[in-house]
Amino acid sequence: MDRKNFIKQSLTGIGTIVGIPTILARCKDEDNDITPIDEESTISGECELSPAETAGPFPIKTPAQLVRENIVSDRTGVALLMSITVQDQSNGCAPLAGVYVDVWHCDKDGNYSQYNSYTNASFLRGRQLTDENGVASFISIFPGWYPGRAPHIHVEVLDSNMQSMRVSQIAFPVDTYTEVYNSTGYNGAPDTSNTRDGIFSNSLLGNMADKITGNIEDGYTLEKVLVV
C-alpha cells in the first residue's frame, strides 16, 4: 500500500484529531535539524544495532489483539504518521520483511492505556508486519510526556515466531516537541529533557528519530530505521 492510500484509509473515522497529516500528500520537507534517512549509505555503510532499551513501565499486554494501522482510538492531539523501517544487521542492513513491529506510547496528557485508570482501554498501541521494504506504518498522535522522562515512543521488533529481536525507544528533537507542547491541549515543556533522560543518557543519537517533517496544522511524519 502506498503512503497516500495508507493515509486515506487510516484516517477514516478519526475526525477528533487535531491536524491531519496532509503534508504527506505533497511530500514537503521542513528543516527540523534532523538528518534525513539515506537508505543507500545506511545499507552499505555503518550497520550498528539500534539501542536496546526497557520495554516498561507500560508494555503492551495483548499485542496480538492489536494488529492495526490506526492506533489513535479515542485520543486527541496533533496527528503523527510513524514510518518504521527494520533492517537486518546480519545481512548488511538489508530491509527485513515479514517481522512484527509493536509500538506504544502515552497520550497527550501522559497516560498509557491498559494500566491505572485505563485498564480496559487500548489506545495508542498497535502491531504491524513489515512489508517487502521492511516498513511498518502507524497513524497516531504526537505523544505527551510524564514526570521523569523525555518524550518518547516505545517500539519492539519480533520475528515470525513472536520472539523478541529488539526493544528500543524513539526520541524527538527538542524544537519539534517544544512546538507541539506549546499548542492547545498539551501540557507545556516536559520536566526532563533528552539529555537528562536516564534511558537516553548513553544512546540519544541512536534513539533519535531519523527524520521529522510537518507542522501543527497538518500533522507530522516521523521516520525511523531500526537495526536488529
C-alpha atoms as a PDB file:
ATOM      1  CA  MET A   1       0.000   0.000   0.000  1.00  0.00           C
ATOM      2  CA  ASP A   2       1.434   3.378  -0.959  1.00  0.00           C
ATOM      3  CA  ARG A   3       1.623   6.162   1.626  1.00  0.00           C
ATOM      4  CA  LYS A   4      -1.133   8.301   0.084  1.00  0.00           C
ATOM      5  CA  ASN A   5      -3.666   5.450   0.083  1.00  0.00           C
ATOM      6  CA  PHE A   6      -2.491   4.425   3.545  1.00  0.00           C
ATOM      7  CA  ILE A   7      -3.336   7.904   4.853  1.00  0.00           C
ATOM      8  CA  LYS A   8      -6.744   7.989   3.170  1.00  0.00           C
ATOM      9  CA  GLN A   9      -7.770   4.595   4.545  1.00  0.00           C
ATOM     10  CA  SER A  10      -6.280   5.008   8.000  1.00  0.00           C
ATOM     11  CA  LEU A  11      -7.758   8.431   8.719  1.00  0.00           C
ATOM     12  CA  THR A  12     -11.352   7.241   8.287  1.00  0.00           C
ATOM     13  CA  GLY A  13     -13.279   7.937  11.473  1.00  0.00           C
ATOM     14  CA  ILE A  14     -10.688   9.953  13.395  1.00  0.00           C
ATOM     15  CA  GLY A  15     -12.003  13.463  12.873  1.00  0.00           C
ATOM     16  CA  THR A  16     -11.289  14.310  16.512  1.00  0.00           C
ATOM     17  CA  ILE A  17      -7.562  14.516  15.830  1.00  0.00           C
ATOM     18  CA  VAL A  18      -6.093  17.993  15.892  1.00  0.00           C
ATOM     19  CA  GLY A  19      -4.434  18.294  12.480  1.00  0.00           C
ATOM     20  CA  ILE A  20      -4.454  15.583   9.776  1.00  0.00           C
ATOM     21  CA  PRO A  21      -1.074  14.887   8.140  1.00  0.00           C
ATOM     22  CA  THR A  22      -1.999  16.169   4.663  1.00  0.00           C
ATOM     23  CA  ILE A  23       1.608  17.213   4.436  1.00  0.00           C
ATOM     24  CA  LEU A  24       2.388  13.677   3.278  1.00  0.00           C
ATOM     25  CA  ALA A  25       0.375  14.117   0.101  1.00  0.00           C
ATOM     26  CA  ARG A  26       2.625  16.910  -1.082  1.00  0.00           C
ATOM     27  CA  CYS A  27       5.818  15.424   0.424  1.00  0.00           C
ATOM     28  CA  LYS A  28       7.006  18.748   1.749  1.00  0.00           C
ATOM     29  CA  ASP A  29      10.162  18.593   3.854  1.00  0.00           C
ATOM     30  CA  GLU A  30      10.881  21.184   6.514  1.00  0.00           C
ATOM     31  CA  ASP A  31      14.190  21.956   8.195  1.00  0.00           C
ATOM     32  CA  ASN A  32      13.978  20.418  11.657  1.00  0.00           C
ATOM     33  CA  ASP A  33      17.649  19.862  12.471  1.00  0.00           C
ATOM     34  CA  ILE A  34      17.263  16.162  11.628  1.00  0.00           C
ATOM     35  CA  THR A  35      19.441  14.398   9.066  1.00  0.00           C
ATOM     36  CA  PRO A  36      17.189  12.613   6.536  1.00  0.00           C
ATOM     37  CA  ILE A  37      17.491   8.864   6.138  1.00  0.00           C
ATOM     38  CA  ASP A  38      19.979   7.954   3.436  1.00  0.00           C
ATOM     39  CA  GLU A  39      18.955   4.403   2.521  1.00  0.00           C
ATOM     40  CA  GLU A  40      21.991   3.720   0.325  1.00  0.00           C
ATOM     41  CA  SER A  41      24.543   4.825   2.897  1.00  0.00           C
ATOM     42  CA  THR A  42      22.660   3.074   5.702  1.00  0.00           C
ATOM     43  CA  ILE A  43      22.723  -0.254   3.909  1.00  0.00           C
ATOM     44  CA  SER A  44      26.260  -0.042   2.519  1.00  0.00           C
ATOM     45  CA  GLY A  45      27.929   1.920   5.323  1.00  0.00           C
ATOM     46  CA  GLU A  46      27.651   1.684   9.078  1.00  0.00           C
ATOM     47  CA  CYS A  47      25.324  -1.015  10.319  1.00  0.00           C
ATOM     48  CA  GLU A  48      25.017  -0.634  14.073  1.00  0.00           C
ATOM     49  CA  LEU A  49      22.335  -2.236  16.205  1.00  0.00           C
ATOM     50  CA  SER A  50      19.687   0.149  17.453  1.00  0.00           C
ATOM     51  CA  PRO A  51      19.914   0.896  21.194  1.00  0.00           C
ATOM     52  CA  ALA A  52      18.341  -1.779  23.400  1.00  0.00           C
ATOM     53  CA  GLU A  53      16.012  -0.171  25.944  1.00  0.00           C
ATOM     54  CA  THR A  54      13.489  -1.178  28.560  1.00  0.00           C
ATOM     55  CA  ALA A  55      10.001  -2.144  27.400  1.00  0.00           C
ATOM     56  CA  GLY A  56       8.419  -0.716  30.552  1.00  0.00           C
ATOM     57  CA  PRO A  57       6.946   0.645  32.592  1.00  0.00           C
ATOM     58  CA  PHE A  58       3.795   0.131  30.476  1.00  0.00           C
ATOM     59  CA  PRO A  59       4.430  -2.583  27.848  1.00  0.00           C
ATOM     60  CA  ILE A  60       1.617  -3.950  25.684  1.00  0.00           C
ATOM     61  CA  LYS A  61      -0.300  -6.696  27.476  1.00  0.00           C
ATOM     62  CA  THR A  62      -2.151  -8.078  24.446  1.00  0.00           C
ATOM     63  CA  PRO A  63      -0.170  -7.156  21.292  1.00  0.00           C
ATOM     64  CA  ALA A  64      -1.604  -9.985  19.152  1.00  0.00           C
ATOM     65  CA  GLN A  65      -5.059  -8.439  19.564  1.00  0.00           C
ATOM     66  CA  LEU A  66      -3.888  -5.028  18.354  1.00  0.00           C
ATOM     67  CA  VAL A  67      -2.960  -5.645  14.712  1.00  0.00           C
ATOM     68  CA  ARG A  68      -3.930  -2.291  13.187  1.00  0.00           C
ATOM     69  CA  GLU A  69      -2.544   0.688  11.328  1.00  0.00           C
ATOM     70  CA  ASN A  70      -4.650   3.295  13.123  1.00  0.00           C
ATOM     71  CA  ILE A  71      -3.821   3.284  16.838  1.00  0.00           C
ATOM     72  CA  VAL A  72      -5.481   6.589  17.789  1.00  0.00           C
ATOM     73  CA  SER A  73      -8.731   5.205  19.233  1.00  0.00           C
ATOM     74  CA  ASP A  74     -10.493   7.983  21.191  1.00  0.00           C
ATOM     75  CA  ARG A  75      -7.396  10.071  21.912  1.00  0.00           C
ATOM     76  CA  THR A  76      -6.886  13.608  20.593  1.00  0.00           C
ATOM     77  CA  GLY A  77      -3.728  15.520  19.743  1.00  0.00           C
ATOM     78  CA  VAL A  78      -1.514  16.588  16.871  1.00  0.00           C
ATOM     79  CA  ALA A  79      -1.534  13.944  14.144  1.00  0.00           C
ATOM     80  CA  LEU A  80       1.541  11.771  13.682  1.00  0.00           C
ATOM     81  CA  LEU A  81       2.369   9.222  10.999  1.00  0.00           C
ATOM     82  CA  MET A  82       5.120   6.815  12.066  1.00  0.00           C
ATOM     83  CA  SER A  83       7.069   5.020   9.351  1.00  0.00           C
ATOM     84  CA  ILE A  84       9.467   2.463  10.823  1.00  0.00           C
ATOM     85  CA  THR A  85      11.975   0.565   8.688  1.00  0.00           C
ATOM     86  CA  VAL A  86      13.500  -2.602  10.096  1.00  0.00           C
ATOM     87  CA  GLN A  87      16.932  -3.678   8.849  1.00  0.00           C
ATOM     88  CA  ASP A  88      18.841  -6.905   9.412  1.00  0.00           C
ATOM     89  CA  GLN A  89      22.366  -6.389  10.745  1.00  0.00           C
ATOM     90  CA  SER A  90      23.322  -9.984   9.916  1.00  0.00           C
ATOM     91  CA  ASN A  91      22.522  -9.297   6.254  1.00  0.00           C
ATOM     92  CA  GLY A  92      24.334  -5.995   5.737  1.00  0.00           C
ATOM     93  CA  CYS A  93      21.370  -3.966   6.998  1.00  0.00           C
ATOM     94  CA  ALA A  94      19.100  -5.143   4.197  1.00  0.00           C
ATOM     95  CA  PRO A  95      15.378  -4.471   4.782  1.00  0.00           C
ATOM     96  CA  LEU A  96      13.749  -7.142   6.920  1.00  0.00           C
ATOM     97  CA  ALA A  97      10.318  -8.179   5.654  1.00  0.00           C
ATOM     98  CA  GLY A  98       7.680 -10.172   7.500  1.00  0.00           C
ATOM     99  CA  VAL A  99       8.587  -9.279  11.070  1.00  0.00           C
ATOM    100  CA  TYR A 100       6.305  -7.720  13.630  1.00  0.00           C
ATOM    101  CA  VAL A 101       6.659  -4.143  14.836  1.00  0.00           C
ATOM    102  CA  ASP A 102       4.882  -3.220  18.083  1.00  0.00           C
ATOM    103  CA  VAL A 103       4.562   0.427  19.097  1.00  0.00           C
ATOM    104  CA  TRP A 104       3.066   2.039  22.172  1.00  0.00           C
ATOM    105  CA  HIS A 105       3.177   5.471  23.809  1.00  0.00           C
ATOM    106  CA  CYS A 106       1.287   7.775  26.151  1.00  0.00           C
ATOM    107  CA  ASP A 107      -1.483  10.190  25.176  1.00  0.00           C
ATOM    108  CA  LYS A 108      -1.138  13.984  25.211  1.00  0.00           C
ATOM    109  CA  ASP A 109      -1.703  14.011  28.977  1.00  0.00           C
ATOM    110  CA  GLY A 110       0.927  11.357  29.737  1.00  0.00           C
ATOM    111  CA  ASN A 111      -1.477   8.431  30.240  1.00  0.00           C
ATOM    112  CA  TYR A 112      -0.959   4.874  28.957  1.00  0.00           C
ATOM    113  CA  SER A 113      -3.785   2.514  28.107  1.00  0.00           C
ATOM    114  CA  GLN A 114      -4.099  -0.933  29.748  1.00  0.00           C
ATOM    115  CA  TYR A 115      -2.897   0.483  33.085  1.00  0.00           C
ATOM    116  CA  ASN A 116      -4.157   2.556  36.039  1.00  0.00           C
ATOM    117  CA  SER A 117      -7.370   4.383  35.102  1.00  0.00           C
ATOM    118  CA  TYR A 118      -7.350   2.948  31.574  1.00  0.00           C
ATOM    119  CA  THR A 119      -7.166  -0.791  32.294  1.00  0.00           C
ATOM    120  CA  ASN A 120      -9.905  -1.605  29.755  1.00  0.00           C
ATOM    121  CA  ALA A 121      -8.631   0.701  27.007  1.00  0.00           C
ATOM    122  CA  SER A 122      -6.017   0.004  24.328  1.00  0.00           C
ATOM    123  CA  PHE A 123      -5.380   3.384  22.746  1.00  0.00           C
ATOM    124  CA  LEU A 124      -2.004   4.272  21.182  1.00  0.00           C
ATOM    125  CA  ARG A 125      -0.853   0.668  20.906  1.00  0.00           C
ATOM    126  CA  GLY A 126      -0.556  -1.403  17.779  1.00  0.00           C
ATOM    127  CA  ARG A 127       1.198  -4.063  15.755  1.00  0.00           C
ATOM    128  CA  GLN A 128       2.056  -4.315  12.050  1.00  0.00           C
ATOM    129  CA  LEU A 129       4.022  -6.688   9.827  1.00  0.00           C
ATOM    130  CA  THR A 130       6.824  -5.129   7.818  1.00  0.00           C
ATOM    131  CA  ASP A 131       6.329  -5.117   4.039  1.00  0.00           C
ATOM    132  CA  GLU A 132       8.830  -6.160   1.360  1.00  0.00           C
ATOM    133  CA  ASN A 133      10.772  -2.961   2.058  1.00  0.00           C
ATOM    134  CA  GLY A 134      10.955  -3.669   5.779  1.00  0.00           C
ATOM    135  CA  VAL A 135       8.478  -0.868   6.552  1.00  0.00           C
ATOM    136  CA  ALA A 136       5.625  -0.755   9.063  1.00  0.00           C
ATOM    137  CA  SER A 137       3.473   2.380   9.386  1.00  0.00           C
ATOM    138  CA  PHE A 138       1.101   3.647  12.050  1.00  0.00           C
ATOM    139  CA  ILE A 139      -1.322   6.567  12.290  1.00  0.00           C
ATOM    140  CA  SER A 140      -1.173   8.064  15.779  1.00  0.00           C
ATOM    141  CA  ILE A 141      -0.912  11.367  17.643  1.00  0.00           C
ATOM    142  CA  PHE A 142       2.148  13.151  18.976  1.00  0.00           C
ATOM    143  CA  PRO A 143       2.748  11.742  22.486  1.00  0.00           C
ATOM    144  CA  GLY A 144       2.729  13.892  25.565  1.00  0.00           C
ATOM    145  CA  TRP A 145       5.092  13.436  28.475  1.00  0.00           C
ATOM    146  CA  TYR A 146       5.071  12.342  32.091  1.00  0.00           C
ATOM    147  CA  PRO A 147       7.393  13.165  35.026  1.00  0.00           C
ATOM    148  CA  GLY A 148      10.933  11.850  34.827  1.00  0.00           C
ATOM    149  CA  ARG A 149      11.001  11.055  31.108  1.00  0.00           C
ATOM    150  CA  ALA A 150      11.646  12.969  27.922  1.00  0.00           C
ATOM    151  CA  PRO A 151       9.031  12.490  25.168  1.00  0.00           C
ATOM    152  CA  HIS A 152       9.371   9.057  23.570  1.00  0.00           C
ATOM    153  CA  ILE A 153       7.783   6.155  21.715  1.00  0.00           C
ATOM    154  CA  HIS A 154       8.318   2.515  22.640  1.00  0.00           C
ATOM    155  CA  VAL A 155       8.969   0.006  19.861  1.00  0.00           C
ATOM    156  CA  GLU A 156       9.679  -3.712  19.721  1.00  0.00           C
ATOM    157  CA  VAL A 157      10.560  -5.929  16.763  1.00  0.00           C
ATOM    158  CA  LEU A 158       9.605  -9.617  16.904  1.00  0.00           C
ATOM    159  CA  ASP A 159      10.262 -12.426  14.451  1.00  0.00           C
ATOM    160  CA  SER A 160       7.577 -14.617  12.865  1.00  0.00           C
ATOM    161  CA  ASN A 161       7.721 -16.918  15.906  1.00  0.00           C
ATOM    162  CA  MET A 162       6.960 -13.979  18.214  1.00  0.00           C
ATOM    163  CA  GLN A 163      10.475 -13.987  19.627  1.00  0.00           C
ATOM    164  CA  SER A 164      11.719 -10.523  20.540  1.00  0.00           C
ATOM    165  CA  MET A 165      14.531  -9.271  18.299  1.00  0.00           C
ATOM    166  CA  ARG A 166      14.949  -5.763  19.716  1.00  0.00           C
ATOM    167  CA  VAL A 167      13.225  -3.443  22.172  1.00  0.00           C
ATOM    168  CA  SER A 168      14.036   0.230  21.750  1.00  0.00           C
ATOM    169  CA  GLN A 169      12.647   3.737  22.157  1.00  0.00           C
ATOM    170  CA  ILE A 170      12.403   6.708  19.814  1.00  0.00           C
ATOM    171  CA  ALA A 171      13.253  10.244  20.947  1.00  0.00           C
ATOM    172  CA  PHE A 172      12.103  13.569  19.469  1.00  0.00           C
ATOM    173  CA  PRO A 173      14.139  16.670  18.636  1.00  0.00           C
ATOM    174  CA  VAL A 174      13.654  19.477  21.151  1.00  0.00           C
ATOM    175  CA  ASP A 175      12.424  22.057  18.655  1.00  0.00           C
ATOM    176  CA  THR A 176       9.690  19.713  17.421  1.00  0.00           C
ATOM    177  CA  TYR A 177       8.298  18.702  20.794  1.00  0.00           C
ATOM    178  CA  THR A 178       8.544  22.292  22.033  1.00  0.00           C
ATOM    179  CA  GLU A 179       6.368  23.465  19.161  1.00  0.00           C
ATOM    180  CA  VAL A 180       3.810  20.728  19.810  1.00  0.00           C
ATOM    181  CA  TYR A 181       3.728  21.179  23.577  1.00  0.00           C
ATOM    182  CA  ASN A 182       3.123  24.891  23.220  1.00  0.00           C
ATOM    183  CA  SER A 183      -0.015  24.177  21.191  1.00  0.00           C
ATOM    184  CA  THR A 184      -3.534  23.832  22.584  1.00  0.00           C
ATOM    185  CA  GLY A 185      -4.219  20.691  24.577  1.00  0.00           C
ATOM    186  CA  TYR A 186      -0.683  19.766  25.587  1.00  0.00           C
ATOM    187  CA  ASN A 187       0.940  20.379  28.962  1.00  0.00           C
ATOM    188  CA  GLY A 188       3.845  22.655  28.082  1.00  0.00           C
ATOM    189  CA  ALA A 189       7.533  21.809  28.387  1.00  0.00           C
ATOM    190  CA  PRO A 190       8.478  18.387  29.829  1.00  0.00           C
ATOM    191  CA  ASP A 191      10.239  18.278  33.183  1.00  0.00           C
ATOM    192  CA  THR A 192      13.005  16.097  31.708  1.00  0.00           C
ATOM    193  CA  SER A 193      14.965  16.962  28.567  1.00  0.00           C
ATOM    194  CA  ASN A 194      16.503  14.464  26.157  1.00  0.00           C
ATOM    195  CA  THR A 195      19.960  14.956  27.610  1.00  0.00           C
ATOM    196  CA  ARG A 196      18.750  14.491  31.193  1.00  0.00           C
ATOM    197  CA  ASP A 197      16.681  11.398  30.471  1.00  0.00           C
ATOM    198  CA  GLY A 198      18.252   8.340  32.106  1.00  0.00           C
ATOM    199  CA  ILE A 199      17.134   5.997  29.305  1.00  0.00           C
ATOM    200  CA  PHE A 200      18.721   8.165  26.604  1.00  0.00           C
ATOM    201  CA  SER A 201      21.813   9.145  28.589  1.00  0.00           C
ATOM    202  CA  ASN A 202      24.219   6.915  26.665  1.00  0.00           C
ATOM    203  CA  SER A 203      22.295   6.357  23.440  1.00  0.00           C
ATOM    204  CA  LEU A 204      20.474   9.555  22.435  1.00  0.00           C
ATOM    205  CA  LEU A 205      21.889   9.696  18.913  1.00  0.00           C
ATOM    206  CA  GLY A 206      20.752   6.143  18.227  1.00  0.00           C
ATOM    207  CA  ASN A 207      17.337   6.749  19.767  1.00  0.00           C
ATOM    208  CA  MET A 208      16.635   9.994  17.928  1.00  0.00           C
ATOM    209  CA  ALA A 209      14.101   9.974  15.104  1.00  0.00           C
ATOM    210  CA  ASP A 210      15.929   9.945  11.778  1.00  0.00           C
ATOM    211  CA  LYS A 211      13.610  12.452  10.156  1.00  0.00           C
ATOM    212  CA  ILE A 212      10.597  14.503  11.209  1.00  0.00           C
ATOM    213  CA  THR A 213       8.642  16.757   8.859  1.00  0.00           C
ATOM    214  CA  GLY A 214       5.369  18.620   9.220  1.00  0.00           C
ATOM    215  CA  ASN A 215       3.656  21.222  11.354  1.00  0.00           C
ATOM    216  CA  ILE A 216       0.928  21.655  13.957  1.00  0.00           C
ATOM    217  CA  GLU A 217      -1.909  22.145  11.484  1.00  0.00           C
ATOM    218  CA  ASP A 218      -1.139  19.326   9.045  1.00  0.00           C
ATOM    219  CA  GLY A 219       0.483  16.889  11.435  1.00  0.00           C
ATOM    220  CA  TYR A 220       3.943  15.346  11.489  1.00  0.00           C
ATOM    221  CA  THR A 221       5.680  12.425   9.818  1.00  0.00           C
ATOM    222  CA  LEU A 222       8.298  10.500  11.778  1.00  0.00           C
ATOM    223  CA  GLU A 223      10.760   8.160  10.051  1.00  0.00           C
ATOM    224  CA  LYS A 224      12.995   5.783  11.941  1.00  0.00           C
ATOM    225  CA  VAL A 225      15.307   2.942  10.927  1.00  0.00           C
ATOM    226  CA  LEU A 226      15.667   0.142  13.464  1.00  0.00           C
ATOM    227  CA  VAL A 227      18.590  -2.244  13.032  1.00  0.00           C
ATOM    228  CA  VAL A 228      18.064  -5.638  14.662  1.00  0.00           C
END
